[in-house]
N, C-alpha and C. Protein backbone atom coordinates (compact mmCIF):
# COMPACT_ATOMS: atom_id res chain seq x y z
N MET A 1 80.62 78.18 98.10
CA MET A 1 82.04 78.22 98.28
C MET A 1 82.43 79.57 98.86
N LYS A 2 83.36 79.53 99.79
CA LYS A 2 83.91 80.74 100.38
C LYS A 2 85.42 80.65 100.33
N ILE A 3 86.05 81.80 100.38
CA ILE A 3 87.50 81.84 100.45
C ILE A 3 87.88 82.57 101.74
N LEU A 4 88.65 81.90 102.57
CA LEU A 4 89.19 82.51 103.78
C LEU A 4 90.60 82.95 103.44
N LEU A 5 90.82 84.25 103.51
CA LEU A 5 92.11 84.81 103.14
C LEU A 5 92.85 85.22 104.41
N PHE A 6 93.83 84.43 104.78
CA PHE A 6 94.63 84.69 105.98
C PHE A 6 95.81 85.58 105.59
N ASN A 7 95.92 86.71 106.27
CA ASN A 7 96.98 87.66 105.96
C ASN A 7 97.45 88.36 107.23
N ALA A 8 98.45 89.21 107.07
CA ALA A 8 98.97 89.99 108.19
C ALA A 8 99.39 91.36 107.69
N ILE A 9 99.22 92.36 108.53
CA ILE A 9 99.56 93.73 108.12
C ILE A 9 101.06 93.90 107.94
N TRP A 10 101.85 93.08 108.59
CA TRP A 10 103.31 93.16 108.50
C TRP A 10 103.90 92.33 107.37
N CYS A 11 103.06 91.63 106.62
CA CYS A 11 103.49 90.68 105.58
C CYS A 11 103.62 91.37 104.22
N LYS A 12 104.83 91.37 103.66
CA LYS A 12 105.07 91.99 102.37
C LYS A 12 104.28 91.31 101.25
N ASP A 13 104.28 89.96 101.25
CA ASP A 13 103.54 89.23 100.21
C ASP A 13 102.03 89.49 100.30
N CYS A 14 101.53 89.67 101.52
CA CYS A 14 100.10 89.99 101.70
C CYS A 14 99.78 91.33 101.07
N LYS A 15 100.67 92.28 101.25
CA LYS A 15 100.47 93.61 100.66
C LYS A 15 100.52 93.53 99.14
N THR A 16 101.38 92.66 98.62
CA THR A 16 101.49 92.46 97.17
C THR A 16 100.18 91.90 96.61
N MET A 17 99.57 90.97 97.33
CA MET A 17 98.35 90.29 96.87
C MET A 17 97.07 91.09 97.10
N LYS A 18 97.12 92.08 97.96
CA LYS A 18 95.91 92.82 98.35
C LYS A 18 95.13 93.39 97.15
N PRO A 19 95.78 94.08 96.20
CA PRO A 19 95.02 94.61 95.05
C PRO A 19 94.39 93.50 94.20
N LEU A 20 95.10 92.38 94.06
CA LEU A 20 94.56 91.26 93.28
C LEU A 20 93.28 90.74 93.91
N TRP A 21 93.28 90.54 95.24
CA TRP A 21 92.09 90.05 95.92
C TRP A 21 90.95 91.07 95.86
N ARG A 22 91.30 92.35 95.95
CA ARG A 22 90.27 93.39 95.84
C ARG A 22 89.60 93.31 94.47
N ASN A 23 90.38 93.15 93.41
CA ASN A 23 89.81 93.03 92.06
C ASN A 23 88.99 91.75 91.90
N LEU A 24 89.47 90.66 92.48
CA LEU A 24 88.72 89.40 92.39
C LEU A 24 87.37 89.51 93.09
N ARG A 25 87.31 90.25 94.19
CA ARG A 25 86.02 90.49 94.87
C ARG A 25 85.05 91.23 93.95
N LEU A 26 85.55 92.24 93.27
CA LEU A 26 84.70 93.02 92.37
C LEU A 26 84.25 92.20 91.16
N GLU A 27 85.13 91.35 90.66
CA GLU A 27 84.82 90.54 89.48
C GLU A 27 83.95 89.32 89.81
N ASN A 28 83.91 88.93 91.08
CA ASN A 28 83.17 87.72 91.50
C ASN A 28 82.30 88.04 92.72
N PRO A 29 81.29 88.89 92.55
CA PRO A 29 80.51 89.33 93.71
C PRO A 29 79.76 88.20 94.42
N LYS A 30 79.53 87.07 93.76
CA LYS A 30 78.81 85.97 94.41
C LYS A 30 79.72 85.08 95.25
N VAL A 31 81.03 85.30 95.15
CA VAL A 31 81.99 84.52 95.93
C VAL A 31 82.34 85.32 97.19
N GLU A 32 82.10 84.71 98.33
CA GLU A 32 82.41 85.38 99.59
C GLU A 32 83.90 85.19 99.90
N ILE A 33 84.59 86.31 100.01
CA ILE A 33 86.01 86.30 100.34
C ILE A 33 86.17 87.02 101.67
N LYS A 34 86.59 86.28 102.70
CA LYS A 34 86.73 86.83 104.05
C LYS A 34 88.19 87.06 104.36
N ASN A 35 88.53 88.28 104.74
CA ASN A 35 89.88 88.60 105.21
C ASN A 35 90.00 88.26 106.67
N LEU A 36 91.03 87.51 107.02
CA LEU A 36 91.28 87.16 108.41
C LEU A 36 92.71 87.53 108.76
N GLU A 37 92.85 88.58 109.54
CA GLU A 37 94.16 89.02 110.03
C GLU A 37 94.63 87.99 111.06
N VAL A 38 95.78 87.36 110.80
CA VAL A 38 96.21 86.24 111.64
C VAL A 38 96.43 86.63 113.11
N ASP A 39 96.87 87.84 113.35
CA ASP A 39 97.09 88.26 114.73
C ASP A 39 95.79 88.45 115.50
N ASN A 40 94.69 88.62 114.79
CA ASN A 40 93.39 88.82 115.42
C ASN A 40 92.48 87.60 115.34
N HIS A 41 92.87 86.60 114.60
CA HIS A 41 92.03 85.41 114.40
C HIS A 41 92.82 84.13 114.64
N LYS A 42 93.45 84.04 115.79
CA LYS A 42 94.31 82.89 116.10
C LYS A 42 93.53 81.59 116.16
N ARG A 43 92.28 81.66 116.58
CA ARG A 43 91.45 80.45 116.64
C ARG A 43 91.28 79.84 115.25
N TYR A 44 90.98 80.68 114.26
CA TYR A 44 90.82 80.19 112.90
C TYR A 44 92.15 79.71 112.32
N CYS A 45 93.23 80.39 112.68
CA CYS A 45 94.55 79.95 112.22
C CYS A 45 94.85 78.54 112.72
N LYS A 46 94.51 78.28 113.96
CA LYS A 46 94.74 76.96 114.52
C LYS A 46 93.81 75.93 113.86
N LEU A 47 92.55 76.30 113.69
CA LEU A 47 91.57 75.41 113.08
C LEU A 47 91.98 74.98 111.67
N PHE A 48 92.51 75.93 110.90
CA PHE A 48 92.89 75.64 109.51
C PHE A 48 94.40 75.40 109.35
N ASN A 49 95.10 75.28 110.47
CA ASN A 49 96.53 74.97 110.46
C ASN A 49 97.31 75.93 109.56
N ILE A 50 97.13 77.22 109.80
CA ILE A 50 97.81 78.25 109.01
C ILE A 50 99.23 78.43 109.54
N ILE A 51 100.19 78.21 108.66
CA ILE A 51 101.60 78.33 109.03
C ILE A 51 102.23 79.55 108.38
N ASP A 52 101.88 79.81 107.12
CA ASP A 52 102.44 80.93 106.37
C ASP A 52 101.32 81.84 105.87
N VAL A 53 101.68 83.08 105.62
CA VAL A 53 100.75 84.04 105.02
C VAL A 53 101.42 84.65 103.80
N PRO A 54 100.62 85.02 102.81
CA PRO A 54 99.18 84.84 102.73
C PRO A 54 98.81 83.40 102.41
N THR A 55 97.70 82.98 102.96
CA THR A 55 97.12 81.68 102.65
C THR A 55 95.64 81.88 102.34
N ALA A 56 95.22 81.37 101.20
CA ALA A 56 93.81 81.40 100.82
C ALA A 56 93.27 79.98 100.92
N VAL A 57 92.25 79.81 101.76
CA VAL A 57 91.63 78.50 101.95
C VAL A 57 90.25 78.52 101.31
N PHE A 58 90.04 77.65 100.34
CA PHE A 58 88.75 77.52 99.67
C PHE A 58 87.95 76.49 100.44
N ILE A 59 86.76 76.87 100.91
CA ILE A 59 85.93 75.96 101.69
C ILE A 59 84.53 75.87 101.08
N ASP A 60 83.87 74.73 101.32
CA ASP A 60 82.49 74.59 100.87
C ASP A 60 81.57 75.21 101.91
N ASN A 61 80.28 75.12 101.68
CA ASN A 61 79.31 75.78 102.58
C ASN A 61 79.22 75.13 103.95
N GLU A 62 79.76 73.92 104.09
CA GLU A 62 79.78 73.27 105.40
C GLU A 62 81.09 73.54 106.14
N GLY A 63 82.00 74.26 105.52
CA GLY A 63 83.27 74.59 106.15
C GLY A 63 84.38 73.61 105.87
N LYS A 64 84.14 72.65 104.98
CA LYS A 64 85.15 71.65 104.63
C LYS A 64 86.14 72.27 103.63
N GLU A 65 87.42 72.07 103.91
CA GLU A 65 88.44 72.62 103.02
C GLU A 65 88.45 71.88 101.69
N LEU A 66 88.45 72.67 100.61
CA LEU A 66 88.50 72.13 99.26
C LEU A 66 89.91 72.19 98.70
N GLU A 67 90.56 73.30 98.96
CA GLU A 67 91.91 73.52 98.42
C GLU A 67 92.48 74.76 99.11
N ARG A 68 93.79 74.89 99.06
CA ARG A 68 94.43 76.10 99.58
C ARG A 68 95.59 76.48 98.70
N CYS A 69 95.91 77.76 98.73
CA CYS A 69 97.12 78.23 98.06
C CYS A 69 97.85 79.16 99.03
N VAL A 70 99.15 79.02 99.06
CA VAL A 70 100.00 79.73 100.01
C VAL A 70 100.98 80.59 99.24
N GLY A 71 101.17 81.82 99.72
CA GLY A 71 102.14 82.72 99.10
C GLY A 71 101.55 83.52 97.96
N VAL A 72 102.41 84.18 97.25
CA VAL A 72 101.99 84.99 96.10
C VAL A 72 101.58 84.04 94.97
N GLN A 73 100.39 84.29 94.44
CA GLN A 73 99.86 83.45 93.36
C GLN A 73 99.49 84.33 92.17
N HIS A 74 99.53 83.75 91.00
CA HIS A 74 99.14 84.46 89.78
C HIS A 74 97.61 84.54 89.73
N LYS A 75 97.11 85.64 89.24
CA LYS A 75 95.66 85.85 89.17
C LYS A 75 94.95 84.74 88.39
N ASP A 76 95.53 84.30 87.29
CA ASP A 76 94.90 83.25 86.48
C ASP A 76 94.71 81.96 87.25
N PHE A 77 95.67 81.62 88.11
CA PHE A 77 95.57 80.41 88.92
C PHE A 77 94.40 80.52 89.90
N ILE A 78 94.27 81.66 90.55
CA ILE A 78 93.18 81.86 91.51
C ILE A 78 91.83 81.86 90.79
N ILE A 79 91.77 82.47 89.62
CA ILE A 79 90.53 82.48 88.84
C ILE A 79 90.11 81.05 88.49
N GLU A 80 91.05 80.21 88.12
CA GLU A 80 90.73 78.81 87.81
C GLU A 80 90.19 78.09 89.04
N LEU A 81 90.75 78.36 90.22
CA LEU A 81 90.23 77.75 91.44
C LEU A 81 88.82 78.23 91.74
N ILE A 82 88.56 79.52 91.53
CA ILE A 82 87.22 80.07 91.75
C ILE A 82 86.23 79.39 90.79
N LYS A 83 86.59 79.26 89.53
CA LYS A 83 85.71 78.60 88.56
C LYS A 83 85.46 77.14 88.96
N LYS A 84 86.49 76.48 89.44
CA LYS A 84 86.40 75.07 89.80
C LYS A 84 85.41 74.84 90.96
N TYR A 85 85.39 75.77 91.91
CA TYR A 85 84.62 75.55 93.13
C TYR A 85 83.41 76.47 93.33
N LYS A 86 83.19 77.44 92.47
CA LYS A 86 82.19 78.46 92.79
C LYS A 86 80.74 77.94 92.87
N ASN A 87 80.45 76.79 92.32
CA ASN A 87 79.09 76.26 92.40
C ASN A 87 78.90 75.33 93.60
N LEU A 88 79.89 75.26 94.48
CA LEU A 88 79.78 74.41 95.67
C LEU A 88 79.31 75.21 96.86
């Protein structure tokens, strides 16, 4: 399982979520979390139909979307998603 984290440097909510994602990376070293700046990764934005930021897309090892969350999310919610999908 991987998490594609779509964000933007101009996005206030992205800045709010940044420390949370940094901590989640440290707490879950086996989960790959990729930051994708939307202005620099337009191809991926189109591929995953990204409309709003921040958007976290949980994908399996074949690149199939499992789930996504958009906007500011509570840490406990994201941890539950990581637990749900981390063995995929």
